[in-house]
PDB file of all heavy atoms in Angstrom:
ATOM      1  N   LEU A   1       0.836  -1.194   0.000  1.00  0.00           N
ATOM      2  CA  LEU A   1       0.000   0.000   0.000  1.00  0.00           C
ATOM      3  C   LEU A   1       0.877   1.252   0.000  1.00  0.00           C
ATOM      4  O   LEU A   1       2.050   1.212   0.374  1.00  0.00           O
ATOM      5  CB  LEU A   1      -0.913   0.009   1.235  1.00  0.00           C
ATOM      6  CG  LEU A   1      -1.957  -1.103   1.299  1.00  0.00           C
ATOM      7  CD1 LEU A   1      -2.703  -1.029   2.626  1.00  0.00           C
ATOM      8  CD2 LEU A   1      -2.928  -1.005   0.142  1.00  0.00           C
ATOM      9  N   ARG A   2       0.287   2.353  -0.403  1.00  0.00           N
ATOM     10  CA  ARG A   2       1.003   3.630  -0.396  1.00  0.00           C
ATOM     11  C   ARG A   2       1.129   4.149   1.037  1.00  0.00           C
ATOM     12  O   ARG A   2       0.173   4.064   1.812  1.00  0.00           O
ATOM     13  CB  ARG A   2       0.249   4.675  -1.210  1.00  0.00           C
ATOM     14  CG  ARG A   2       0.204   4.396  -2.683  1.00  0.00           C
ATOM     15  CD  ARG A   2      -0.582   5.447  -3.392  1.00  0.00           C
ATOM     16  NE  ARG A   2      -1.946   5.459  -2.819  1.00  0.00           N
ATOM     17  CZ  ARG A   2      -2.851   6.392  -3.049  1.00  0.00           C
ATOM     18  NH1 ARG A   2      -2.564   7.401  -3.822  1.00  0.00           N
ATOM     19  NH2 ARG A   2      -4.045   6.324  -2.521  1.00  0.00           N
ATOM     20  N   PRO A   3       2.275   4.710   1.398  1.00  0.00           N
ATOM     21  CA  PRO A   3       2.387   5.348   2.709  1.00  0.00           C
ATOM     22  C   PRO A   3       1.490   6.580   2.755  1.00  0.00           C
ATOM     23  O   PRO A   3       1.555   7.420   1.858  1.00  0.00           O
ATOM     24  CB  PRO A   3       3.856   5.746   2.805  1.00  0.00           C
ATOM     25  CG  PRO A   3       4.546   5.147   1.637  1.00  0.00           C
ATOM     26  CD  PRO A   3       3.515   4.722   0.659  1.00  0.00           C
ATOM     27  N   MET A   4       0.661   6.662   3.765  1.00  0.00           N
ATOM     28  CA  MET A   4      -0.272   7.785   3.886  1.00  0.00           C
ATOM     29  C   MET A   4       0.011   8.639   5.128  1.00  0.00           C
ATOM     30  O   MET A   4      -0.540   9.712   5.271  1.00  0.00           O
ATOM     31  CB  MET A   4      -1.706   7.262   3.954  1.00  0.00           C
ATOM     32  CG  MET A   4      -2.137   6.435   2.757  1.00  0.00           C
ATOM     33  SD  MET A   4      -2.179   7.329   1.211  1.00  0.00           S
ATOM     34  CE  MET A   4      -3.680   8.250   1.396  1.00  0.00           C
ATOM     35  N   ASP A   5       0.856   8.139   6.022  1.00  0.00           N
ATOM     36  CA  ASP A   5       1.147   8.847   7.264  1.00  0.00           C
ATOM     37  C   ASP A   5       2.576   9.394   7.246  1.00  0.00           C
ATOM     38  O   ASP A   5       3.417   8.952   6.458  1.00  0.00           O
ATOM     39  CB  ASP A   5       0.953   7.908   8.462  1.00  0.00           C
ATOM     40  CG  ASP A   5      -0.497   7.443   8.594  1.00  0.00           C
ATOM     41  OD1 ASP A   5      -1.399   8.156   8.123  1.00  0.00           O
ATOM     42  OD2 ASP A   5      -0.707   6.364   9.162  1.00  0.00           O
ATOM     43  N   MET A   6       2.850  10.320   8.141  1.00  0.00           N
ATOM     44  CA  MET A   6       4.152  10.984   8.210  1.00  0.00           C
ATOM     45  C   MET A   6       5.297  10.008   8.482  1.00  0.00           C
ATOM     46  O   MET A   6       6.425  10.261   8.092  1.00  0.00           O
ATOM     47  CB  MET A   6       4.140  12.056   9.293  1.00  0.00           C
ATOM     48  CG  MET A   6       3.130  13.151   9.017  1.00  0.00           C
ATOM     49  SD  MET A   6       3.631  14.160   7.645  1.00  0.00           S
ATOM     50  CE  MET A   6       4.283  15.546   8.507  1.00  0.00           C
ATOM     51  N   ASP A   7       5.014   8.890   9.127  1.00  0.00           N
ATOM     52  CA  ASP A   7       6.067   7.922   9.464  1.00  0.00           C
ATOM     53  C   ASP A   7       6.358   6.940   8.327  1.00  0.00           C
ATOM     54  O   ASP A   7       7.117   5.987   8.497  1.00  0.00           O
ATOM     55  CB  ASP A   7       5.733   7.171  10.746  1.00  0.00           C
ATOM     56  CG  ASP A   7       4.497   6.284  10.624  1.00  0.00           C
ATOM     57  OD1 ASP A   7       3.840   6.292   9.556  1.00  0.00           O
ATOM     58  OD2 ASP A   7       4.187   5.582  11.593  1.00  0.00           O
ATOM     59  N   GLY A   8       5.745   7.154   7.151  1.00  0.00           N
ATOM     60  CA  GLY A   8       5.999   6.290   6.005  1.00  0.00           C
ATOM     61  C   GLY A   8       5.180   5.020   5.977  1.00  0.00           C
ATOM     62  O   GLY A   8       5.462   4.109   5.205  1.00  0.00           O
ATOM     63  N   THR A   9       4.158   4.935   6.839  1.00  0.00           N
ATOM     64  CA  THR A   9       3.281   3.763   6.865  1.00  0.00           C
ATOM     65  C   THR A   9       1.842   4.210   6.636  1.00  0.00           C
ATOM     66  O   THR A   9       1.589   5.334   6.209  1.00  0.00           O
ATOM     67  CB  THR A   9       3.386   2.998   8.204  1.00  0.00           C
ATOM     68  OG1 THR A   9       2.915   3.833   9.260  1.00  0.00           O
ATOM     69  CG2 THR A   9       4.804   2.547   8.479  1.00  0.00           C
ATOM     70  N   SER A  10       0.924   3.339   6.942  1.00  0.00           N
ATOM     71  CA  SER A  10      -0.500   3.613   6.815  1.00  0.00           C
ATOM     72  C   SER A  10      -1.224   2.833   7.907  1.00  0.00           C
ATOM     73  O   SER A  10      -0.658   1.921   8.496  1.00  0.00           O
ATOM     74  CB  SER A  10      -0.969   3.154   5.428  1.00  0.00           C
ATOM     75  OG  SER A  10      -2.249   3.624   5.149  1.00  0.00           O
ATOM     76  N   ASP A  11      -2.451   3.212   8.200  1.00  0.00           N
ATOM     77  CA  ASP A  11      -3.308   2.502   9.151  1.00  0.00           C
ATOM     78  C   ASP A  11      -4.554   2.039   8.390  1.00  0.00           C
ATOM     79  O   ASP A  11      -5.641   2.579   8.558  1.00  0.00           O
ATOM     80  CB  ASP A  11      -3.701   3.411  10.323  1.00  0.00           C
ATOM     81  CG  ASP A  11      -2.506   3.969  11.061  1.00  0.00           C
ATOM     82  OD1 ASP A  11      -1.588   3.194  11.354  1.00  0.00           O
ATOM     83  OD2 ASP A  11      -2.480   5.182  11.335  1.00  0.00           O
ATOM     84  N   PRO A  12      -4.402   1.030   7.519  1.00  0.00           N
ATOM     85  CA  PRO A  12      -5.458   0.680   6.571  1.00  0.00           C
ATOM     86  C   PRO A  12      -6.604  -0.134   7.157  1.00  0.00           C
ATOM     87  O   PRO A  12      -6.440  -0.898   8.104  1.00  0.00           O
ATOM     88  CB  PRO A  12      -4.717  -0.131   5.521  1.00  0.00           C
ATOM     89  CG  PRO A  12      -3.570  -0.733   6.247  1.00  0.00           C
ATOM     90  CD  PRO A  12      -3.189   0.243   7.301  1.00  0.00           C
ATOM     91  N   TYR A  13      -7.757   0.073   6.530  1.00  0.00           N
ATOM     92  CA  TYR A  13      -8.926  -0.767   6.759  1.00  0.00           C
ATOM     93  C   TYR A  13      -9.707  -0.828   5.451  1.00  0.00           C
ATOM     94  O   TYR A  13      -9.506  -0.011   4.546  1.00  0.00           O
ATOM     95  CB  TYR A  13      -9.793  -0.258   7.910  1.00  0.00           C
ATOM     96  CG  TYR A  13     -10.444   1.090   7.704  1.00  0.00           C
ATOM     97  CD1 TYR A  13     -11.755   1.191   7.252  1.00  0.00           C
ATOM     98  CD2 TYR A  13      -9.767   2.272   7.995  1.00  0.00           C
ATOM     99  CE1 TYR A  13     -12.363   2.425   7.081  1.00  0.00           C
ATOM    100  CE2 TYR A  13     -10.364   3.506   7.834  1.00  0.00           C
ATOM    101  CZ  TYR A  13     -11.667   3.577   7.376  1.00  0.00           C
ATOM    102  OH  TYR A  13     -12.272   4.806   7.205  1.00  0.00           O
ATOM    103  N   VAL A  14     -10.587  -1.817   5.327  1.00  0.00           N
ATOM    104  CA  VAL A  14     -11.358  -2.026   4.105  1.00  0.00           C
ATOM    105  C   VAL A  14     -12.826  -1.725   4.381  1.00  0.00           C
ATOM    106  O   VAL A  14     -13.367  -2.121   5.417  1.00  0.00           O
ATOM    107  CB  VAL A  14     -11.203  -3.480   3.596  1.00  0.00           C
ATOM    108  CG1 VAL A  14     -12.073  -3.720   2.369  1.00  0.00           C
ATOM    109  CG2 VAL A  14      -9.747  -3.778   3.280  1.00  0.00           C
ATOM    110  N   VAL A  15     -13.450  -1.028   3.441  1.00  0.00           N
ATOM    111  CA  VAL A  15     -14.883  -0.756   3.491  1.00  0.00           C
ATOM    112  C   VAL A  15     -15.548  -1.574   2.377  1.00  0.00           C
ATOM    113  O   VAL A  15     -15.133  -1.503   1.222  1.00  0.00           O
ATOM    114  CB  VAL A  15     -15.185   0.742   3.279  1.00  0.00           C
ATOM    115  CG1 VAL A  15     -16.683   0.997   3.296  1.00  0.00           C
ATOM    116  CG2 VAL A  15     -14.477   1.588   4.331  1.00  0.00           C
ATOM    117  N   LEU A  16     -16.560  -2.342   2.750  1.00  0.00           N
ATOM    118  CA  LEU A  16     -17.348  -3.137   1.802  1.00  0.00           C
ATOM    119  C   LEU A  16     -18.760  -2.573   1.781  1.00  0.00           C
ATOM    120  O   LEU A  16     -19.358  -2.367   2.847  1.00  0.00           O
ATOM    121  CB  LEU A  16     -17.398  -4.598   2.233  1.00  0.00           C
ATOM    122  CG  LEU A  16     -16.055  -5.289   2.457  1.00  0.00           C
ATOM    123  CD1 LEU A  16     -16.263  -6.619   3.170  1.00  0.00           C
ATOM    124  CD2 LEU A  16     -15.340  -5.492   1.143  1.00  0.00           C
ATOM    125  N   GLN A  17     -19.290  -2.310   0.566  1.00  0.00           N
ATOM    126  CA  GLN A  17     -20.636  -1.755   0.453  1.00  0.00           C
ATOM    127  C   GLN A  17     -21.422  -2.463  -0.634  1.00  0.00           C
ATOM    128  O   GLN A  17     -20.895  -2.693  -1.731  1.00  0.00           O
ATOM    129  CB  GLN A  17     -20.589  -0.269   0.093  1.00  0.00           C
ATOM    130  CG  GLN A  17     -20.098   0.611   1.212  1.00  0.00           C
ATOM    131  CD  GLN A  17     -20.104   2.062   0.788  1.00  0.00           C
ATOM    132  OE1 GLN A  17     -19.163   2.517   0.147  1.00  0.00           O
ATOM    133  NE2 GLN A  17     -21.156   2.765   1.145  1.00  0.00           N
ATOM    134  N   ILE A  18     -22.670  -2.791  -0.322  1.00  0.00           N
ATOM    135  CA  ILE A  18     -23.598  -3.343  -1.310  1.00  0.00           C
ATOM    136  C   ILE A  18     -25.024  -3.151  -0.794  1.00  0.00           C
ATOM    137  O   ILE A  18     -25.288  -3.346   0.403  1.00  0.00           O
ATOM    138  CB  ILE A  18     -23.302  -4.833  -1.622  1.00  0.00           C
ATOM    139  CG1 ILE A  18     -24.059  -5.292  -2.858  1.00  0.00           C
ATOM    140  CG2 ILE A  18     -23.556  -5.712  -0.427  1.00  0.00           C
ATOM    141  CD1 ILE A  18     -23.619  -6.631  -3.410  1.00  0.00           C
ATOM    142  N   GLU A  19     -25.928  -2.724  -1.672  1.00  0.00           N
ATOM    143  CA  GLU A  19     -27.356  -2.587  -1.357  1.00  0.00           C
ATOM    144  C   GLU A  19     -27.619  -1.926   0.001  1.00  0.00           C
ATOM    145  O   GLU A  19     -28.262  -2.502   0.869  1.00  0.00           O
ATOM    146  CB  GLU A  19     -28.043  -3.946  -1.399  1.00  0.00           C
ATOM    147  CG  GLU A  19     -28.146  -4.540  -2.772  1.00  0.00           C
ATOM    148  CD  GLU A  19     -28.998  -5.794  -2.807  1.00  0.00           C
ATOM    149  OE1 GLU A  19     -29.423  -6.291  -1.748  1.00  0.00           O
ATOM    150  OE2 GLU A  19     -29.244  -6.279  -3.928  1.00  0.00           O
ATOM    151  N   ASP A  20     -27.139  -0.739   0.210  1.00  0.00           N
ATOM    152  CA  ASP A  20     -27.367   0.019   1.450  1.00  0.00           C
ATOM    153  C   ASP A  20     -26.765  -0.641   2.693  1.00  0.00           C
ATOM    154  O   ASP A  20     -27.133  -0.302   3.816  1.00  0.00           O
ATOM    155  CB  ASP A  20     -28.863   0.262   1.696  1.00  0.00           C
ATOM    156  CG  ASP A  20     -29.497   1.088   0.596  1.00  0.00           C
ATOM    157  OD1 ASP A  20     -28.802   1.968   0.046  1.00  0.00           O
ATOM    158  OD2 ASP A  20     -30.686   0.859   0.292  1.00  0.00           O
ATOM    159  N   GLN A  21     -25.871  -1.590   2.513  1.00  0.00           N
ATOM    160  CA  GLN A  21     -25.173  -2.218   3.631  1.00  0.00           C
ATOM    161  C   GLN A  21     -23.701  -1.829   3.545  1.00  0.00           C
ATOM    162  O   GLN A  21     -23.109  -1.855   2.474  1.00  0.00           O
ATOM    163  CB  GLN A  21     -25.301  -3.735   3.564  1.00  0.00           C
ATOM    164  CG  GLN A  21     -26.740  -4.226   3.627  1.00  0.00           C
ATOM    165  CD  GLN A  21     -26.821  -5.695   3.334  1.00  0.00           C
ATOM    166  OE1 GLN A  21     -26.437  -6.514   4.157  1.00  0.00           O
ATOM    167  NE2 GLN A  21     -27.315  -6.038   2.154  1.00  0.00           N
ATOM    168  N   ARG A  22     -23.146  -1.466   4.687  1.00  0.00           N
ATOM    169  CA  ARG A  22     -21.748  -1.035   4.740  1.00  0.00           C
ATOM    170  C   ARG A  22     -21.083  -1.697   5.935  1.00  0.00           C
ATOM    171  O   ARG A  22     -21.598  -1.629   7.053  1.00  0.00           O
ATOM    172  CB  ARG A  22     -21.689   0.483   4.895  1.00  0.00           C
ATOM    173  CG  ARG A  22     -20.302   1.069   4.911  1.00  0.00           C
ATOM    174  CD  ARG A  22     -20.385   2.589   5.052  1.00  0.00           C
ATOM    175  NE  ARG A  22     -19.150   3.243   4.781  1.00  0.00           N
ATOM    176  CZ  ARG A  22     -18.171   3.427   5.653  1.00  0.00           C
ATOM    177  NH1 ARG A  22     -18.311   2.995   6.893  1.00  0.00           N
ATOM    178  NH2 ARG A  22     -17.070   4.054   5.304  1.00  0.00           N
ATOM    179  N   ILE A  23     -19.939  -2.331   5.701  1.00  0.00           N
ATOM    180  CA  ILE A  23     -19.191  -3.008   6.766  1.00  0.00           C
ATOM    181  C   ILE A  23     -17.728  -2.632   6.624  1.00  0.00           C
ATOM    182  O   ILE A  23     -17.218  -2.482   5.512  1.00  0.00           O
ATOM    183  CB  ILE A  23     -19.349  -4.545   6.671  1.00  0.00           C
ATOM    184  CG1 ILE A  23     -20.811  -4.949   6.846  1.00  0.00           C
ATOM    185  CG2 ILE A  23     -18.484  -5.242   7.711  1.00  0.00           C
ATOM    186  CD1 ILE A  23     -21.079  -6.434   6.682  1.00  0.00           C
ATOM    187  N   GLU A  24     -17.039  -2.469   7.752  1.00  0.00           N
ATOM    188  CA  GLU A  24     -15.610  -2.155   7.753  1.00  0.00           C
ATOM    189  C   GLU A  24     -14.835  -3.237   8.494  1.00  0.00           C
ATOM    190  O   GLU A  24     -15.307  -3.776   9.490  1.00  0.00           O
ATOM    191  CB  GLU A  24     -15.345  -0.837   8.483  1.00  0.00           C
ATOM    192  CG  GLU A  24     -15.963   0.364   7.852  1.00  0.00           C
ATOM    193  CD  GLU A  24     -15.686   1.640   8.642  1.00  0.00           C
ATOM    194  OE1 GLU A  24     -14.933   1.592   9.657  1.00  0.00           O
ATOM    195  OE2 GLU A  24     -16.227   2.679   8.254  1.00  0.00           O
ATOM    196  N   THR A  25     -13.625  -3.507   8.008  1.00  0.00           N
ATOM    197  CA  THR A  25     -12.718  -4.368   8.755  1.00  0.00           C
ATOM    198  C   THR A  25     -12.144  -3.563   9.916  1.00  0.00           C
ATOM    199  O   THR A  25     -12.314  -2.349   9.989  1.00  0.00           O
ATOM    200  CB  THR A  25     -11.533  -4.845   7.876  1.00  0.00           C
ATOM    201  OG1 THR A  25     -10.752  -3.708   7.510  1.00  0.00           O
ATOM    202  CG2 THR A  25     -11.999  -5.605   6.660  1.00  0.00           C
ATOM    203  N   ASN A  26     -11.429  -4.235  10.780  1.00  0.00           N
ATOM    204  CA  ASN A  26     -10.637  -3.529  11.787  1.00  0.00           C
ATOM    205  C   ASN A  26      -9.482  -2.841  11.073  1.00  0.00           C
ATOM    206  O   ASN A  26      -9.045  -3.299  10.025  1.00  0.00           O
ATOM    207  CB  ASN A  26     -10.074  -4.519  12.806  1.00  0.00           C
ATOM    208  CG  ASN A  26     -11.162  -5.132  13.647  1.00  0.00           C
ATOM    209  OD1 ASN A  26     -12.014  -4.438  14.173  1.00  0.00           O
ATOM    210  ND2 ASN A  26     -11.154  -6.447  13.753  1.00  0.00           N
ATOM    211  N   TYR A  27      -9.000  -1.752  11.628  1.00  0.00           N
ATOM    212  CA  TYR A  27      -7.840  -1.124  10.998  1.00  0.00           C
ATOM    213  C   TYR A  27      -6.566  -1.716  11.580  1.00  0.00           C
ATOM    214  O   TYR A  27      -6.534  -2.194  12.699  1.00  0.00           O
ATOM    215  CB  TYR A  27      -7.880   0.401  11.130  1.00  0.00           C
ATOM    216  CG  TYR A  27      -7.400   0.976  12.435  1.00  0.00           C
ATOM    217  CD1 TYR A  27      -6.079   1.388  12.571  1.00  0.00           C
ATOM    218  CD2 TYR A  27      -8.251   1.126  13.514  1.00  0.00           C
ATOM    219  CE1 TYR A  27      -5.627   1.924  13.767  1.00  0.00           C
ATOM    220  CE2 TYR A  27      -7.812   1.667  14.706  1.00  0.00           C
ATOM    221  CZ  TYR A  27      -6.494   2.061  14.823  1.00  0.00           C
ATOM    222  OH  TYR A  27      -6.052   2.590  16.005  1.00  0.00           O
ATOM    223  N   LYS A  28      -5.537  -1.747  10.749  1.00  0.00           N
ATOM    224  CA  LYS A  28      -4.236  -2.298  11.136  1.00  0.00           C
ATOM    225  C   LYS A  28      -3.252  -1.139  11.264  1.00  0.00           C
ATOM    226  O   LYS A  28      -3.048  -0.388  10.313  1.00  0.00           O
ATOM    227  CB  LYS A  28      -3.738  -3.315  10.106  1.00  0.00           C
ATOM    228  CG  LYS A  28      -4.666  -4.502   9.928  1.00  0.00           C
ATOM    229  CD  LYS A  28      -4.813  -5.278  11.221  1.00  0.00           C
ATOM    230  CE  LYS A  28      -5.741  -6.466  11.055  1.00  0.00           C
ATOM    231  NZ  LYS A  28      -5.853  -7.256  12.270  1.00  0.00           N
ATOM    232  N   LYS A  29      -2.656  -1.013  12.411  1.00  0.00           N
ATOM    233  CA  LYS A  29      -1.795   0.124  12.715  1.00  0.00           C
ATOM    234  C   LYS A  29      -0.408  -0.004  12.073  1.00  0.00           C
ATOM    235  O   LYS A  29       0.222  -1.048  12.135  1.00  0.00           O
ATOM    236  CB  LYS A  29      -1.655   0.254  14.233  1.00  0.00           C
ATOM    237  CG  LYS A  29      -0.983   1.515  14.681  1.00  0.00           C
ATOM    238  CD  LYS A  29      -1.164   1.709  16.169  1.00  0.00           C
ATOM    239  CE  LYS A  29      -0.466   2.936  16.670  1.00  0.00           C
ATOM    240  NZ  LYS A  29      -1.018   4.158  16.159  1.00  0.00           N
ATOM    241  N   SER A  30       0.026   1.077  11.442  1.00  0.00           N
ATOM    242  CA  SER A  30       1.391   1.263  10.931  1.00  0.00           C
ATOM    243  C   SER A  30       1.899   0.111  10.070  1.00  0.00           C
ATOM    244  O   SER A  30       2.920  -0.499  10.365  1.00  0.00           O
ATOM    245  CB  SER A  30       2.353   1.502  12.101  1.00  0.00           C
ATOM    246  OG  SER A  30       1.972   2.625  12.844  1.00  0.00           O
ATOM    247  N   THR A  31       1.197  -0.161   8.963  1.00  0.00           N
ATOM    248  CA  THR A  31       1.638  -1.228   8.055  1.00  0.00           C
ATOM    249  C   THR A  31       1.271  -0.884   6.615  1.00  0.00           C
ATOM    250  O   THR A  31       0.280  -0.195   6.363  1.00  0.00           O
ATOM    251  CB  THR A  31       1.031  -2.595   8.436  1.00  0.00           C
ATOM    252  OG1 THR A  31       1.548  -3.585   7.553  1.00  0.00           O
ATOM    253  CG2 THR A  31      -0.468  -2.592   8.395  1.00  0.00           C
TER     254      THR A  31
END
């Protein structure tokens, strides 16, 4: 993944959406 934070990492999570339903994964710190 692209680094998005000042420390050169990211805290990513995934958003899934279908038919007015939205679910997110847990976010993973500094990876």
